[in-house]
Amino acid sequence: MVLPLNDSIARQKQLRTLRNDDIIAARADLLAPEDRDLIKAVVINGQSAEMIARIAGVRGSTLRKRVRKLLKRINSPDFIDTARILPLLNPTQLAIAKAHILQGKSIRAVASETNLSYHTVRKTLTQVRAIAAGVKNLKKNYPSLIGSN
């Protein structure tokens, strides 16, 4: 049975939205808990930003801006590349990458919470980004070795 063109297009859009929601949900799991909950409530569950803002005691525009910034972060190449290489990182690199790149903490805050110097955190972030670039390059040049993810 062939679906009418409008139904077929609507179904494709629905499937694309479901896949996008799954991708956003998976990436949101890498955020700080309060950011993850906000993204899932507004983007995945479709709750009103105004309603959540009232509950949280903040302005609706402030909350919408926060959601936009979070979506921009989780869709950034830096976030995506880092998320892909998490299993390849040593514990220090992992902690720093999660805190700074995935959760958006400042380098100074990461240095403070990991008891490392600012310089060490910056150097480690450079290493993490180099690993991500290397994996991305391998994937581009040798797709059969790396896979399609």
Protein backbone atom coordinates (compact mmCIF):
# COMPACT_ATOMS: atom_id res chain seq x y z
CA MET A 1 0.00 0.00 0.00
CA VAL A 2 1.33 3.41 -0.95
CA LEU A 3 0.65 6.27 1.44
CA PRO A 4 -0.58 9.53 -0.02
CA LEU A 5 2.31 11.98 -0.43
CA ASN A 6 1.26 14.21 2.49
CA ASP A 7 0.96 11.23 4.86
CA SER A 8 4.33 9.91 3.75
CA ILE A 9 5.99 13.28 4.29
CA ALA A 10 4.32 13.67 7.68
CA ARG A 11 5.50 10.19 8.70
CA GLN A 12 9.08 11.00 7.63
CA LYS A 13 9.01 14.21 9.69
CA GLN A 14 7.65 12.27 12.67
CA LEU A 15 10.40 9.65 12.41
CA ARG A 16 13.04 12.37 12.04
CA THR A 17 11.69 14.11 15.14
CA LEU A 18 11.77 10.84 17.11
CA ARG A 19 15.38 10.24 16.08
CA ASN A 20 16.32 13.82 16.94
CA ASP A 21 14.63 13.49 20.34
CA ASP A 22 16.59 10.28 20.99
CA ILE A 23 19.84 12.00 20.02
CA ILE A 24 19.08 15.03 22.19
CA ALA A 25 18.10 12.79 25.12
CA ALA A 26 21.32 10.77 24.81
CA ARG A 27 23.44 13.91 24.68
CA ALA A 28 21.48 15.50 27.54
CA ASP A 29 22.47 12.54 29.73
CA LEU A 30 26.05 13.86 29.56
CA LEU A 31 25.07 17.26 30.99
CA ALA A 32 24.95 18.27 34.64
CA PRO A 33 21.79 16.84 36.30
CA GLU A 34 19.90 20.16 36.47
CA ASP A 35 20.69 20.92 32.81
CA ARG A 36 19.74 17.39 31.75
CA ASP A 37 16.40 17.67 33.54
CA LEU A 38 15.70 21.06 31.96
CA ILE A 39 16.43 19.83 28.41
CA LYS A 40 14.37 16.69 28.88
CA ALA A 41 11.43 18.63 30.34
CA VAL A 42 11.32 21.34 27.68
CA VAL A 43 12.60 19.64 24.53
CA ILE A 44 11.74 15.96 24.99
CA ASN A 45 8.58 16.13 27.12
CA GLY A 46 7.35 19.40 25.59
CA GLN A 47 6.66 21.17 28.87
CA SER A 48 6.22 24.91 28.68
CA ALA A 49 9.32 26.97 29.45
CA GLU A 50 7.03 29.54 31.05
CA MET A 51 5.57 26.97 33.44
CA ILE A 52 8.99 25.66 34.45
CA ALA A 53 10.23 29.24 34.87
CA ARG A 54 7.36 30.03 37.23
CA ILE A 55 8.09 26.93 39.29
CA ALA A 56 11.81 27.77 39.40
CA GLY A 57 11.12 31.41 40.21
CA VAL A 58 12.93 32.83 37.19
CA ARG A 59 11.81 34.77 34.15
CA GLY A 60 10.61 32.82 31.14
CA SER A 61 13.08 34.59 28.87
CA THR A 62 15.95 33.57 31.16
CA LEU A 63 14.92 29.93 31.03
CA ARG A 64 14.40 29.96 27.24
CA LYS A 65 17.86 31.50 26.81
CA ARG A 66 19.34 28.77 29.03
CA VAL A 67 17.66 26.06 26.93
CA ARG A 68 18.97 27.63 23.71
CA LYS A 69 22.52 27.75 25.13
CA LEU A 70 22.31 24.12 26.26
CA LEU A 71 21.02 22.98 22.86
CA LYS A 72 23.79 24.92 21.16
CA ARG A 73 26.35 23.21 23.41
CA ILE A 74 25.07 19.66 22.92
CA ASN A 75 24.96 20.15 19.15
CA SER A 76 28.45 21.64 18.96
CA PRO A 77 31.17 19.59 17.23
CA ASP A 78 33.36 19.87 20.35
CA PHE A 79 30.64 18.27 22.52
CA ILE A 80 29.85 15.53 19.99
CA ASP A 81 33.50 14.65 19.34
CA THR A 82 34.28 14.57 23.06
CA ALA A 83 31.25 12.39 23.81
CA ARG A 84 32.45 9.88 21.21
CA ILE A 85 35.93 9.52 22.72
CA LEU A 86 35.02 9.28 26.42
CA PRO A 87 35.94 5.55 26.61
CA LEU A 88 39.42 6.35 25.26
CA LEU A 89 40.31 8.88 27.95
CA ASN A 90 42.27 8.26 31.14
CA PRO A 91 40.53 9.18 34.43
CA THR A 92 42.02 12.70 34.63
CA GLN A 93 41.21 13.51 31.02
CA LEU A 94 37.72 12.07 31.51
CA ALA A 95 36.98 14.18 34.58
CA ILE A 96 38.25 17.36 32.94
CA ALA A 97 36.49 16.72 29.60
CA LYS A 98 33.17 15.97 31.32
CA ALA A 99 33.37 19.02 33.57
CA HIS A 100 34.51 21.58 31.00
CA ILE A 101 33.36 20.44 27.56
CA LEU A 102 30.24 18.48 28.43
CA GLN A 103 28.97 20.30 31.50
CA GLY A 104 30.21 23.76 30.58
CA LYS A 105 32.18 24.59 33.73
CA SER A 106 34.95 27.16 33.43
CA ILE A 107 38.58 26.05 33.33
CA ARG A 108 39.11 27.81 36.66
CA ALA A 109 36.20 25.93 38.27
CA VAL A 110 37.45 22.61 36.87
CA ALA A 111 40.95 23.32 38.19
CA SER A 112 39.53 24.09 41.62
CA GLU A 113 37.36 20.98 41.86
CA THR A 114 40.06 18.63 40.53
CA ASN A 115 42.85 20.20 42.61
CA LEU A 116 44.90 20.76 39.46
CA SER A 117 46.48 23.95 38.20
CA TYR A 118 44.77 26.07 35.57
CA HIS A 119 47.67 25.30 33.22
CA THR A 120 47.33 21.53 33.73
CA VAL A 121 43.60 21.67 32.97
CA ARG A 122 44.24 23.69 29.79
CA LYS A 123 46.97 21.28 28.70
CA THR A 124 44.70 18.29 29.35
CA LEU A 125 41.88 19.89 27.34
CA THR A 126 44.31 20.33 24.46
CA GLN A 127 45.15 16.61 24.70
CA VAL A 128 41.47 15.66 24.76
CA ARG A 129 40.75 17.79 21.69
CA ALA A 130 43.78 16.26 19.91
CA ILE A 131 42.48 12.75 20.63
CA ALA A 132 39.04 13.75 19.33
CA ALA A 133 40.54 15.24 16.17
CA GLY A 134 42.63 12.11 15.62
CA VAL A 135 39.63 9.81 15.96
CA LYS A 136 37.59 12.06 13.68
CA ASN A 137 40.39 11.99 11.11
CA LEU A 138 40.65 8.19 11.33
CA LYS A 139 36.91 7.87 10.92
CA LYS A 140 36.98 10.12 7.87
CA ASN A 141 39.93 8.39 6.20
CA TYR A 142 39.29 4.79 7.31
CA PRO A 143 35.53 4.38 7.86
CA SER A 144 35.69 0.59 7.71
CA LEU A 145 38.06 0.50 10.71
CA ILE A 146 36.11 2.87 12.94
CA GLY A 147 32.48 2.15 12.06
CA SER A 148 29.64 4.44 11.13
CA ASN A 149 28.93 6.08 14.54
